[in-house]
């Protein structure tokens, strides 16, 4: 049982160190690592895409349905949400 406790405590230290290292990364370093990871797993993603396509299409259909219902509700209640393509300008 002591070994298991030591393992858990050791794992907590690993997680803390991983978090510290990730927070220390610059945006450029993070993007480089993300692109490197994608490059590594992309062939497997492409080979297995057909396995997950039905779930993705179902999720997309559900999202479209929800967005349509939201738009209908907004039209009925005279409300709408506008999303600006540009960030708001600050005075200063």
N, C-alpha and C. Protein backbone atom coordinates (compact mmCIF):
# COMPACT_ATOMS: atom_id res chain seq x y z
N UNK A 1 0.82 -1.19 0.00
CA UNK A 1 0.00 0.00 0.00
C UNK A 1 0.86 1.26 0.00
N UNK A 2 2.01 1.19 0.69
CA UNK A 2 2.91 2.35 0.72
C UNK A 2 3.43 2.68 -0.67
N UNK A 3 3.68 1.63 -1.45
CA UNK A 3 4.18 1.87 -2.80
C UNK A 3 3.15 2.63 -3.64
N UNK A 4 1.89 2.28 -3.47
CA UNK A 4 0.84 2.96 -4.21
C UNK A 4 0.75 4.43 -3.80
N UNK A 5 0.84 4.70 -2.50
CA UNK A 5 0.81 6.07 -2.01
C UNK A 5 1.99 6.85 -2.56
N UNK A 6 3.17 6.24 -2.54
CA UNK A 6 4.38 6.89 -3.06
C UNK A 6 4.23 7.17 -4.55
N UNK A 7 3.64 6.22 -5.26
CA UNK A 7 3.42 6.40 -6.69
C UNK A 7 2.48 7.57 -6.95
N UNK A 8 1.40 7.66 -6.19
CA UNK A 8 0.45 8.76 -6.35
C UNK A 8 1.11 10.10 -6.05
N UNK A 9 1.87 10.16 -4.95
CA UNK A 9 2.56 11.40 -4.61
C UNK A 9 3.58 11.77 -5.68
N UNK A 10 4.27 10.78 -6.19
CA UNK A 10 5.22 11.02 -7.27
C UNK A 10 4.53 11.53 -8.52
N UNK A 11 3.36 10.97 -8.80
CA UNK A 11 2.61 11.39 -9.98
C UNK A 11 2.14 12.84 -9.83
N UNK A 12 1.74 13.21 -8.61
CA UNK A 12 1.34 14.59 -8.36
C UNK A 12 2.49 15.54 -8.65
N UNK A 13 3.69 15.15 -8.27
CA UNK A 13 4.87 15.98 -8.56
C UNK A 13 5.11 16.10 -10.06
N UNK A 14 4.90 15.01 -10.78
CA UNK A 14 5.06 15.03 -12.24
C UNK A 14 4.05 15.99 -12.86
N UNK A 15 2.81 15.92 -12.42
CA UNK A 15 1.77 16.80 -12.96
C UNK A 15 2.09 18.26 -12.66
N UNK A 16 2.55 18.54 -11.44
CA UNK A 16 2.91 19.91 -11.09
C UNK A 16 4.06 20.42 -11.95
N UNK A 17 5.05 19.59 -12.19
CA UNK A 17 6.18 20.00 -13.02
C UNK A 17 5.75 20.20 -14.47
N UNK A 18 4.90 19.30 -14.96
CA UNK A 18 4.38 19.45 -16.32
C UNK A 18 3.63 20.77 -16.46
N UNK A 19 2.80 21.10 -15.50
CA UNK A 19 2.04 22.35 -15.53
C UNK A 19 2.99 23.54 -15.52
N UNK A 20 4.00 23.50 -14.68
CA UNK A 20 4.96 24.60 -14.61
C UNK A 20 5.67 24.78 -15.95
N UNK A 21 6.10 23.68 -16.56
CA UNK A 21 6.80 23.76 -17.83
C UNK A 21 5.89 24.29 -18.95
N UNK A 22 4.64 23.82 -18.96
CA UNK A 22 3.71 24.28 -19.98
C UNK A 22 3.42 25.78 -19.84
N UNK A 23 3.30 26.25 -18.63
CA UNK A 23 3.04 27.68 -18.41
C UNK A 23 4.24 28.53 -18.80
N UNK A 24 5.42 27.95 -18.78
CA UNK A 24 6.63 28.69 -19.12
C UNK A 24 6.82 28.82 -20.63
N UNK A 25 6.07 28.05 -21.41
CA UNK A 25 6.21 28.10 -22.87
C UNK A 25 5.66 29.41 -23.42
N UNK A 26 6.33 29.92 -24.44
CA UNK A 26 5.80 31.08 -25.14
C UNK A 26 4.72 30.60 -26.11
N UNK A 27 3.97 31.53 -26.64
CA UNK A 27 2.93 31.18 -27.62
C UNK A 27 3.59 30.51 -28.83
N UNK A 28 4.71 31.04 -29.26
CA UNK A 28 5.42 30.48 -30.41
C UNK A 28 5.84 29.03 -30.14
N UNK A 29 6.39 28.78 -28.95
CA UNK A 29 6.81 27.42 -28.59
C UNK A 29 5.61 26.48 -28.49
N UNK A 30 4.52 26.97 -27.93
CA UNK A 30 3.31 26.15 -27.82
C UNK A 30 2.77 25.77 -29.19
N UNK A 31 2.72 26.74 -30.09
CA UNK A 31 2.22 26.46 -31.44
C UNK A 31 3.14 25.49 -32.16
N UNK A 32 4.43 25.66 -32.00
CA UNK A 32 5.39 24.75 -32.63
C UNK A 32 5.15 23.32 -32.13
N UNK A 33 4.98 23.17 -30.81
CA UNK A 33 4.74 21.84 -30.24
C UNK A 33 3.41 21.26 -30.73
N UNK A 34 2.38 22.10 -30.80
CA UNK A 34 1.09 21.63 -31.29
C UNK A 34 1.18 21.16 -32.73
N UNK A 35 1.85 21.94 -33.58
CA UNK A 35 1.99 21.55 -34.98
C UNK A 35 2.84 20.28 -35.13
N UNK A 36 3.85 20.15 -34.30
CA UNK A 36 4.68 18.94 -34.33
C UNK A 36 3.85 17.72 -33.93
N UNK A 37 3.02 17.88 -32.91
CA UNK A 37 2.14 16.79 -32.48
C UNK A 37 1.15 16.43 -33.58
N UNK A 38 0.55 17.45 -34.20
CA UNK A 38 -0.40 17.18 -35.28
C UNK A 38 0.28 16.46 -36.43
N UNK A 39 1.47 16.88 -36.76
CA UNK A 39 2.22 16.23 -37.84
C UNK A 39 2.45 14.75 -37.52
N UNK A 40 2.69 14.46 -36.26
CA UNK A 40 2.95 13.08 -35.84
C UNK A 40 1.70 12.21 -35.93
N UNK A 41 0.55 12.75 -35.49
CA UNK A 41 -0.65 11.92 -35.41
C UNK A 41 -1.57 12.05 -36.63
N UNK A 42 -1.30 13.00 -37.51
CA UNK A 42 -2.18 13.22 -38.67
C UNK A 42 -2.40 11.96 -39.51
N UNK A 43 -1.37 11.18 -39.81
CA UNK A 43 -1.64 9.96 -40.61
C UNK A 43 -2.64 9.02 -39.92
N UNK A 44 -2.51 8.85 -38.61
CA UNK A 44 -3.45 7.99 -37.90
C UNK A 44 -4.85 8.59 -37.90
N UNK A 45 -4.94 9.90 -37.76
CA UNK A 45 -6.25 10.56 -37.81
C UNK A 45 -6.92 10.34 -39.16
N UNK A 46 -6.15 10.46 -40.21
CA UNK A 46 -6.72 10.26 -41.54
C UNK A 46 -7.14 8.82 -41.76
N UNK A 47 -6.35 7.88 -41.26
CA UNK A 47 -6.68 6.46 -41.43
C UNK A 47 -7.92 6.05 -40.66
N UNK A 48 -8.21 6.72 -39.56
CA UNK A 48 -9.36 6.35 -38.73
C UNK A 48 -10.53 7.32 -38.86
N UNK A 49 -10.43 8.28 -39.75
CA UNK A 49 -11.49 9.30 -39.90
C UNK A 49 -12.85 8.67 -40.15
N UNK A 50 -12.89 7.62 -40.94
CA UNK A 50 -14.17 6.99 -41.27
C UNK A 50 -14.85 6.39 -40.04
N UNK A 51 -14.07 6.06 -39.03
CA UNK A 51 -14.65 5.49 -37.82
C UNK A 51 -15.43 6.53 -37.01
N UNK A 52 -15.00 7.78 -37.09
CA UNK A 52 -15.58 8.83 -36.27
C UNK A 52 -16.49 9.77 -37.05
N UNK A 53 -16.52 9.65 -38.37
CA UNK A 53 -17.31 10.56 -39.19
C UNK A 53 -18.79 10.58 -38.81
N UNK A 54 -19.43 9.44 -38.59
CA UNK A 54 -20.85 9.48 -38.24
C UNK A 54 -21.12 10.30 -36.97
N UNK A 55 -20.27 10.16 -35.97
CA UNK A 55 -20.45 10.94 -34.74
C UNK A 55 -20.26 12.43 -35.00
N UNK A 56 -19.27 12.77 -35.81
CA UNK A 56 -19.02 14.19 -36.11
C UNK A 56 -20.19 14.78 -36.89
N UNK A 57 -20.73 14.03 -37.86
CA UNK A 57 -21.86 14.54 -38.63
C UNK A 57 -23.09 14.69 -37.75
N UNK A 58 -23.31 13.76 -36.84
CA UNK A 58 -24.45 13.86 -35.92
C UNK A 58 -24.30 15.07 -35.00
N UNK A 59 -23.09 15.30 -34.51
CA UNK A 59 -22.86 16.46 -33.64
C UNK A 59 -23.06 17.76 -34.41
N UNK A 60 -22.62 17.79 -35.65
CA UNK A 60 -22.82 18.99 -36.48
C UNK A 60 -24.30 19.23 -36.74
N UNK A 61 -25.05 18.18 -37.03
CA UNK A 61 -26.49 18.32 -37.25
C UNK A 61 -27.18 18.83 -35.99
N UNK A 62 -26.78 18.32 -34.83
CA UNK A 62 -27.36 18.78 -33.56
C UNK A 62 -27.04 20.25 -33.32
N UNK A 63 -25.81 20.64 -33.60
CA UNK A 63 -25.42 22.05 -33.44
C UNK A 63 -26.24 22.95 -34.36
N UNK A 64 -26.39 22.54 -35.61
CA UNK A 64 -27.18 23.33 -36.55
C UNK A 64 -28.63 23.44 -36.09
N UNK A 65 -29.17 22.37 -35.57
CA UNK A 65 -30.54 22.38 -35.07
C UNK A 65 -30.68 23.34 -33.89
N UNK A 66 -29.74 23.31 -32.99
CA UNK A 66 -29.78 24.22 -31.84
C UNK A 66 -29.65 25.67 -32.27
N UNK A 67 -28.76 25.92 -33.21
CA UNK A 67 -28.60 27.29 -33.71
C UNK A 67 -29.87 27.78 -34.41
N UNK A 68 -30.52 26.90 -35.15
CA UNK A 68 -31.77 27.27 -35.81
C UNK A 68 -32.84 27.60 -34.77
N UNK A 69 -32.95 26.77 -33.72
CA UNK A 69 -33.93 27.04 -32.66
C UNK A 69 -33.62 28.34 -31.94
N UNK A 70 -32.34 28.62 -31.72
CA UNK A 70 -31.95 29.88 -31.08
C UNK A 70 -32.34 31.06 -31.95
N UNK A 71 -32.09 30.97 -33.24
CA UNK A 71 -32.45 32.05 -34.16
C UNK A 71 -33.97 32.26 -34.19
N UNK A 72 -34.73 31.17 -34.17
CA UNK A 72 -36.19 31.28 -34.15
C UNK A 72 -36.66 31.94 -32.86
N UNK A 73 -36.08 31.53 -31.74
CA UNK A 73 -36.45 32.13 -30.45
C UNK A 73 -36.13 33.62 -30.44
N UNK A 74 -34.95 33.96 -30.96
CA UNK A 74 -34.56 35.37 -31.00
C UNK A 74 -35.52 36.18 -31.87
N UNK A 75 -35.93 35.62 -33.00
CA UNK A 75 -36.86 36.32 -33.88
C UNK A 75 -38.21 36.51 -33.19
N UNK A 76 -38.67 35.50 -32.47
CA UNK A 76 -39.95 35.59 -31.79
C UNK A 76 -39.92 36.59 -30.63
N UNK A 77 -38.78 36.73 -30.00
CA UNK A 77 -38.66 37.59 -28.84
C UNK A 77 -38.01 38.94 -29.15
N UNK A 78 -37.79 39.19 -30.40
CA UNK A 78 -37.21 40.47 -30.80
C UNK A 78 -35.80 40.67 -30.29
N UNK A 79 -35.10 39.60 -30.09
CA UNK A 79 -33.72 39.69 -29.61
C UNK A 79 -32.80 39.05 -30.63
N UNK A 80 -31.62 39.58 -30.69
CA UNK A 80 -30.62 38.96 -31.55
C UNK A 80 -29.25 39.20 -30.96
N UNK A 81 -28.35 38.33 -31.29
CA UNK A 81 -26.98 38.46 -30.84
C UNK A 81 -26.15 38.81 -32.05
N UNK A 82 -25.40 39.89 -31.94
CA UNK A 82 -24.53 40.30 -33.03
C UNK A 82 -23.09 40.05 -32.62
N UNK A 83 -22.35 39.41 -33.48
CA UNK A 83 -20.95 39.16 -33.22
C UNK A 83 -20.16 39.99 -34.21
N UNK A 84 -19.40 40.92 -33.68
CA UNK A 84 -18.57 41.78 -34.53
C UNK A 84 -17.36 41.00 -34.99
N UNK A 85 -16.99 41.23 -36.24
CA UNK A 85 -15.81 40.56 -36.75
C UNK A 85 -14.53 41.23 -36.28
N UNK A 86 -14.66 42.48 -35.82
CA UNK A 86 -13.51 43.19 -35.29
C UNK A 86 -13.68 43.44 -33.81
N UNK A 87 -12.58 43.42 -33.07
CA UNK A 87 -12.70 43.67 -31.64
C UNK A 87 -13.12 45.12 -31.39
N UNK A 88 -13.77 45.40 -30.26
CA UNK A 88 -14.18 46.77 -29.98
C UNK A 88 -12.96 47.68 -29.82
N UNK A 89 -13.12 48.90 -30.26
CA UNK A 89 -12.03 49.86 -30.16
C UNK A 89 -12.04 50.49 -28.78
N UNK A 90 -10.86 50.62 -28.23
CA UNK A 90 -10.75 51.24 -26.91
C UNK A 90 -10.25 52.67 -27.08
N UNK A 91 -10.73 53.53 -26.23
CA UNK A 91 -10.26 54.91 -26.32
C UNK A 91 -9.04 55.05 -25.44
N UNK A 92 -8.12 55.84 -25.87
CA UNK A 92 -6.95 55.98 -25.03
C UNK A 92 -5.80 56.59 -25.67
